[in-house]
Amino acid sequence: MQTTDHANGIMCIETTPTSPTEAKRVTTQTLQELKVAGIPIAMLTAYDYTSARLLDQAGIDVILVGDSASNVMAGHETTLPITLDQMIYHAQCTVRGVGRALVIVDLPFGSYQGNSRKALETAIQVMKETGAHGVKFEGGASVKDTILRILDAGIPVMGHLGLTPQSIYRFGTYRVRARDEDEASVLRKDAQLLEEAGAFAIVLEKIPAVLAEEVSKSLKIPTIGIGAGVGCDGQVLVTHDALGLTTDFNPRFVRRYARLDESIRSAVKQYISDVRNRDFPSEEESY
C-alpha cells in the first residue's frame, strides 16, 4: 500500500507483514515467530513419501520422523528396537515428499546416550544422508553436552521431556510424569537448561496440563505438547493414531480425526468382491 509522508513530501511503501503460517518454507525461526504471535504450531509424524506429501500439502508446520516408526511401521512394542539405518531410511523417504514443512528426525535409542562424540556423528549422518532440517532426542541435564556439541556443528536440536519413551523400562509404566513436585521441579530445570543450551523447541509428553502451561510461559522457545494440555505452544500426534490407522492404542490424549482403518477394510472387501465377481477390471479398465 502506498502512503505519503506529507511533512517531507516522500512517497512510502507500507507492507503488511506475512503471517508465519504463510511461510513458503517453515524454519526454526518460523516456529519462534509463531510462539511470539500466539499461533499454535501443528506437528504430525510421517515415515514415508506419500504420507509426508499429503501432510505437507495440507499445510502442516512440522513433520517428525519419529522413532514411533518402531511401533506403527515395524510392529515393535517399544521404540527401542529401531536402528539408525532404519530411521535414516524413513527420513529419506519423508523428506522427498516435503516442500514446505520443517522436518525433524528422532535420534534412535543407543545412538546418542552417554557419548556426545557419538551423538554428534549420528546427528551429522542423519543430516547428510536425509536432507532433514534438525534432530530430536530425549533428556535434560544428562544430554546438555550432547546438545552443545551438536549445535556447534550447526544442527538444530529439539528437546523432549516428561514421558520419554526410550526410557520406558526405567519408568516401568506409561503413566503421567511429573505429578509430584520433586519430578516437576526437575522438569522445570531441565526445560530451562535445554533453552539455555540452544534447543529451538521442546516436546513435553504426558505431563500435567498446569505444569506444561507454566513451563511454556516460562520459556522463550516453543513447546510442543502430546498429552500435556492446551497450554503448550503447539501439539503433536502420531499420524497413524490421529487418522485411525491404529486403534488398539487408546490414550486419552489421542483424538481420531478419521477412521481410515474402517475405510481401508471396506475398500479392500469391495475390491475382493469385484475380483471374485469379475466386475474388475471392466472393459473401460482393460486394454
Protein backbone atom coordinates (compact mmCIF):
# COMPACT_ATOMS: atom_id res chain seq x y z
CA MET A 1 0.00 0.00 0.00
CA GLN A 2 1.36 3.45 -0.96
CA THR A 3 1.24 6.35 1.53
CA THR A 4 2.67 9.85 1.52
CA ASP A 5 4.72 11.43 4.31
CA HIS A 6 3.16 14.90 3.93
CA ALA A 7 5.70 16.58 6.20
CA ASN A 8 8.57 15.62 3.88
CA GLY A 9 6.68 15.01 0.65
CA ILE A 10 8.10 11.49 0.46
CA MET A 11 6.20 8.59 -1.07
CA CYS A 12 6.48 5.48 1.12
CA ILE A 13 5.56 1.84 0.64
CA GLU A 14 3.87 0.11 3.56
CA THR A 15 3.98 -3.65 3.58
CA THR A 16 1.79 -5.93 5.61
CA PRO A 17 3.95 -8.49 7.43
CA THR A 18 3.41 -12.01 6.19
CA SER A 19 1.82 -14.33 8.73
CA PRO A 20 4.22 -17.04 9.91
CA THR A 21 1.63 -19.59 8.79
CA GLU A 22 2.09 -18.37 5.21
CA ALA A 23 5.82 -19.07 5.16
CA LYS A 24 6.96 -20.69 1.92
CA ARG A 25 9.35 -22.81 3.96
CA VAL A 26 8.90 -23.40 7.67
CA THR A 27 12.13 -22.96 9.64
CA THR A 28 13.07 -22.92 13.30
CA GLN A 29 12.70 -19.12 13.10
CA THR A 30 9.14 -19.57 11.83
CA LEU A 31 8.30 -21.58 14.95
CA GLN A 32 9.71 -18.81 17.12
CA GLU A 33 7.55 -16.30 15.26
CA LEU A 34 4.51 -18.49 15.77
CA LYS A 35 5.13 -18.57 19.51
CA VAL A 36 5.53 -14.80 19.68
CA ALA A 37 2.36 -14.33 17.62
CA GLY A 38 0.44 -16.76 19.81
CA ILE A 39 -0.32 -19.05 16.87
CA PRO A 40 -0.25 -22.73 17.90
CA ILE A 41 2.16 -24.97 15.99
CA ALA A 42 0.77 -28.10 14.30
CA MET A 43 3.07 -31.13 14.15
CA LEU A 44 2.47 -34.72 12.99
CA THR A 45 4.61 -37.76 12.28
CA ALA A 46 5.47 -39.24 8.90
CA TYR A 47 7.70 -42.11 7.84
CA ASP A 48 7.21 -42.33 4.06
CA TYR A 49 6.97 -40.22 0.90
CA THR A 50 3.23 -40.50 0.30
CA SER A 51 2.17 -39.62 3.85
CA ALA A 52 4.67 -36.76 4.08
CA ARG A 53 3.45 -35.31 0.79
CA LEU A 54 -0.17 -35.34 1.96
CA LEU A 55 0.68 -33.73 5.31
CA ASP A 56 2.80 -31.09 3.61
CA GLN A 57 0.08 -30.28 1.08
CA ALA A 58 -2.41 -29.91 3.94
CA GLY A 59 -0.22 -27.21 5.49
CA ILE A 60 1.33 -28.96 8.49
CA ASP A 61 4.05 -26.87 10.15
CA VAL A 62 6.38 -29.61 11.37
CA ILE A 63 6.79 -33.25 10.36
CA LEU A 64 8.50 -35.51 12.87
CA VAL A 65 10.14 -38.65 11.57
CA GLY A 66 9.59 -40.25 14.94
CA ASP A 67 11.09 -43.36 16.44
CA SER A 68 7.41 -44.26 16.83
CA ALA A 69 8.04 -45.87 13.43
CA SER A 70 9.28 -48.74 15.58
CA ASN A 71 5.67 -49.22 16.76
CA VAL A 72 3.43 -48.25 13.86
CA MET A 73 5.64 -49.29 10.94
CA ALA A 74 7.58 -52.25 12.33
CA GLY A 75 5.15 -53.58 14.95
CA HIS A 76 7.51 -53.45 17.93
CA GLU A 77 6.15 -52.99 21.44
CA THR A 78 8.50 -50.08 22.20
CA THR A 79 10.59 -47.53 20.33
CA LEU A 80 13.87 -49.11 21.43
CA PRO A 81 14.46 -51.68 18.63
CA ILE A 82 14.52 -49.29 15.66
CA THR A 83 18.02 -48.74 14.26
CA LEU A 84 19.80 -45.67 12.96
CA ASP A 85 19.81 -47.08 9.42
CA GLN A 86 16.06 -47.63 9.61
CA MET A 87 15.46 -44.09 10.88
CA ILE A 88 17.60 -42.70 8.07
CA TYR A 89 15.61 -44.70 5.50
CA HIS A 90 12.28 -43.40 6.84
CA ALA A 91 13.64 -39.84 6.93
CA GLN A 92 14.93 -40.03 3.36
CA CYS A 93 11.50 -41.16 2.15
CA THR A 94 9.77 -38.43 4.15
CA VAL A 95 11.98 -35.56 3.02
CA ARG A 96 11.34 -36.39 -0.64
CA GLY A 97 7.65 -35.68 -0.10
CA VAL A 98 8.07 -32.30 1.62
CA GLY A 99 8.28 -28.86 0.07
CA ARG A 100 7.27 -26.58 2.94
CA ALA A 101 7.21 -28.22 6.38
CA LEU A 102 10.12 -28.38 8.81
CA VAL A 103 11.32 -32.00 9.02
CA ILE A 104 12.81 -33.21 12.31
CA VAL A 105 14.25 -36.69 12.87
CA ASP A 106 14.36 -38.62 16.15
CA LEU A 107 17.77 -39.99 17.08
CA PRO A 108 17.11 -43.64 17.98
CA PHE A 109 17.90 -45.31 21.28
CA GLY A 110 21.60 -46.07 21.69
CA SER A 111 22.78 -43.57 19.08
CA TYR A 112 23.44 -40.63 21.41
CA GLN A 113 23.16 -41.58 25.10
CA GLY A 114 26.32 -41.27 27.18
CA ASN A 115 28.69 -40.27 24.39
CA SER A 116 28.48 -36.75 22.96
CA ARG A 117 31.01 -37.52 20.23
CA LYS A 118 28.96 -40.49 19.03
CA ALA A 119 25.84 -38.35 19.22
CA LEU A 120 27.46 -35.70 17.02
CA GLU A 121 28.49 -38.33 14.46
CA THR A 122 24.93 -39.69 14.48
CA ALA A 123 23.38 -36.25 14.00
CA ILE A 124 25.77 -35.40 11.16
CA GLN A 125 25.00 -38.70 9.44
CA VAL A 126 21.26 -38.08 9.74
CA MET A 127 21.53 -34.57 8.31
CA LYS A 128 23.86 -35.52 5.45
CA GLU A 129 22.02 -38.65 4.36
CA THR A 130 18.41 -37.48 4.74
CA GLY A 131 18.23 -33.76 3.98
CA ALA A 132 16.21 -33.21 7.16
CA HIS A 133 16.27 -29.89 8.99
CA GLY A 134 17.09 -30.92 12.55
CA VAL A 135 17.14 -33.71 15.11
CA LYS A 136 15.25 -34.53 18.29
CA PHE A 137 16.31 -36.58 21.29
CA GLU A 138 15.22 -37.19 24.84
CA GLY A 139 16.64 -35.95 28.13
CA GLY A 140 17.58 -32.90 30.15
CA ALA A 141 20.76 -32.32 32.14
CA SER A 142 22.19 -35.67 31.06
CA VAL A 143 22.31 -34.59 27.40
CA LYS A 144 23.45 -30.98 27.83
CA ASP A 145 26.97 -31.65 26.50
CA THR A 146 25.47 -33.54 23.58
CA ILE A 147 23.21 -30.62 22.67
CA LEU A 148 26.09 -28.15 22.83
CA ARG A 149 28.28 -30.35 20.66
CA ILE A 150 25.60 -30.90 18.02
CA LEU A 151 24.64 -27.23 17.97
CA ASP A 152 28.30 -26.29 17.49
CA ALA A 153 28.11 -28.27 14.25
CA GLY A 154 25.20 -26.10 13.12
CA ILE A 155 22.49 -28.73 13.58
CA PRO A 156 19.18 -27.59 15.14
CA VAL A 157 18.08 -29.59 18.18
CA MET A 158 14.57 -30.19 19.53
CA GLY A 159 14.39 -31.46 23.12
CA HIS A 160 11.97 -33.94 24.68
CA LEU A 161 10.94 -34.02 28.36
CA GLY A 162 8.29 -35.68 30.50
CA LEU A 163 7.43 -39.20 29.45
CA THR A 164 10.44 -40.18 27.36
CA PRO A 165 9.57 -43.47 25.59
CA GLN A 166 13.20 -44.57 25.19
CA SER A 167 13.37 -44.75 29.00
CA ILE A 168 10.20 -46.81 29.37
CA TYR A 169 11.94 -49.74 31.06
CA ARG A 170 13.35 -47.37 33.69
CA PHE A 171 9.91 -45.82 34.26
CA GLY A 172 8.19 -49.20 34.16
CA THR A 173 4.91 -47.58 33.12
CA TYR A 174 3.41 -45.12 30.63
CA ARG A 175 1.68 -43.15 33.38
CA VAL A 176 1.72 -39.35 33.52
CA ARG A 177 5.10 -37.96 34.60
CA ALA A 178 5.94 -35.05 36.93
CA ARG A 179 2.80 -35.27 39.05
CA ASP A 180 4.84 -34.93 42.24
CA GLU A 181 6.70 -31.73 43.00
CA ASP A 182 10.17 -33.27 43.01
CA GLU A 183 9.86 -34.55 39.44
CA ALA A 184 8.07 -31.37 38.35
CA SER A 185 10.94 -29.29 39.73
CA VAL A 186 13.47 -31.34 37.78
CA LEU A 187 11.43 -30.92 34.61
CA ARG A 188 11.30 -27.14 35.05
CA LYS A 189 15.08 -27.00 35.49
CA ASP A 190 15.66 -29.30 32.51
CA ALA A 191 13.43 -27.15 30.31
CA GLN A 192 15.41 -24.03 31.23
CA LEU A 193 18.65 -25.91 30.68
CA LEU A 194 17.59 -27.04 27.20
CA GLU A 195 16.64 -23.49 26.27
CA GLU A 196 19.92 -22.09 27.59
CA ALA A 197 21.86 -24.81 25.75
CA GLY A 198 20.27 -23.68 22.48
CA ALA A 199 17.43 -26.10 21.72
CA PHE A 200 14.93 -24.44 19.37
CA ALA A 201 11.87 -26.22 20.82
CA ILE A 202 10.90 -28.85 23.39
CA VAL A 203 8.35 -31.66 23.22
CA LEU A 204 6.50 -32.08 26.53
CA GLU A 205 4.95 -35.53 26.71
CA LYS A 206 2.29 -36.74 29.12
CA ILE A 207 2.72 -34.28 31.98
CA PRO A 208 0.02 -32.34 33.90
CA ALA A 209 -1.54 -29.58 31.81
CA VAL A 210 -0.96 -26.96 34.52
CA LEU A 211 2.76 -27.75 34.63
CA ALA A 212 3.05 -27.77 30.83
CA GLU A 213 1.43 -24.34 30.59
CA GLU A 214 3.68 -22.98 33.34
CA VAL A 215 6.80 -24.26 31.59
CA SER A 216 5.60 -22.98 28.22
CA LYS A 217 5.08 -19.49 29.59
CA SER A 218 8.49 -19.51 31.28
CA LEU A 219 10.37 -20.30 28.07
CA LYS A 220 11.21 -18.13 25.09
CA ILE A 221 11.34 -21.18 22.80
CA PRO A 222 8.20 -23.08 21.73
CA THR A 223 6.87 -26.18 23.48
CA ILE A 224 5.06 -28.93 21.60
CA GLY A 225 2.66 -30.95 23.71
CA ILE A 226 1.45 -34.52 23.48
CA GLY A 227 -0.82 -35.39 26.34
CA ALA A 228 0.20 -32.15 28.03
CA GLY A 229 -2.86 -29.95 27.63
CA VAL A 230 -3.75 -26.95 25.52
CA GLY A 231 -1.32 -24.55 27.20
CA CYS A 232 1.66 -25.62 25.11
CA ASP A 233 2.75 -23.60 22.07
CA GLY A 234 1.85 -26.46 19.74
CA GLN A 235 0.66 -30.03 19.56
CA VAL A 236 1.91 -33.29 18.05
CA LEU A 237 0.24 -36.63 17.43
CA VAL A 238 1.31 -39.83 15.74
CA THR A 239 -0.46 -39.63 12.39
CA HIS A 240 -1.45 -43.30 12.49
CA ASP A 241 -3.32 -42.60 15.74
CA ALA A 242 -4.93 -39.35 14.57
CA LEU A 243 -6.19 -40.87 11.32
CA GLY A 244 -7.42 -44.10 12.86
CA LEU A 245 -4.93 -46.37 11.13
CA THR A 246 -4.04 -47.78 14.54
CA THR A 247 -6.90 -48.15 17.01
CA ASP A 248 -5.57 -50.61 19.59
CA PHE A 249 -3.71 -47.72 21.27
CA ASN A 250 -6.23 -45.50 23.05
CA PRO A 251 -4.68 -42.97 25.44
CA ARG A 252 -6.96 -40.10 26.43
CA PHE A 253 -4.82 -37.53 24.57
CA VAL A 254 -5.46 -39.08 21.12
CA ARG A 255 -8.29 -37.64 19.04
CA ARG A 256 -9.34 -39.69 15.99
CA TYR A 257 -9.79 -37.26 13.11
CA ALA A 258 -10.68 -40.14 10.79
CA ARG A 259 -11.24 -43.90 10.87
CA LEU A 260 -9.11 -44.93 7.93
CA ASP A 261 -8.93 -48.47 9.26
CA GLU A 262 -12.64 -48.85 8.54
CA SER A 263 -12.37 -47.13 5.14
CA ILE A 264 -9.45 -49.32 4.09
CA ARG A 265 -11.07 -52.56 5.20
CA SER A 266 -14.27 -51.60 3.40
CA ALA A 267 -12.39 -50.71 0.21
CA VAL A 268 -10.40 -53.95 0.26
CA LYS A 269 -13.55 -56.03 0.80
CA GLN A 270 -15.16 -54.29 -2.16
CA TYR A 271 -12.07 -54.96 -4.28
CA ILE A 272 -12.11 -58.64 -3.33
CA SER A 273 -15.81 -58.83 -4.21
CA ASP A 274 -15.26 -57.13 -7.57
CA VAL A 275 -12.42 -59.51 -8.42
CA ARG A 276 -14.41 -62.59 -7.37
CA ASN A 277 -17.41 -61.47 -9.44
CA ARG A 278 -15.25 -60.44 -12.42
CA ASP A 279 -16.54 -56.87 -12.08
CA PHE A 280 -12.94 -55.67 -12.06
CA PRO A 281 -11.40 -54.85 -14.41
CA SER A 282 -14.21 -53.53 -16.58
CA GLU A 283 -13.97 -53.06 -20.33
CA GLU A 284 -13.02 -49.41 -19.75
CA GLU A 285 -10.22 -50.53 -17.41
CA SER A 286 -8.78 -53.01 -19.88
CA TYR A 287 -6.53 -52.54 -22.92
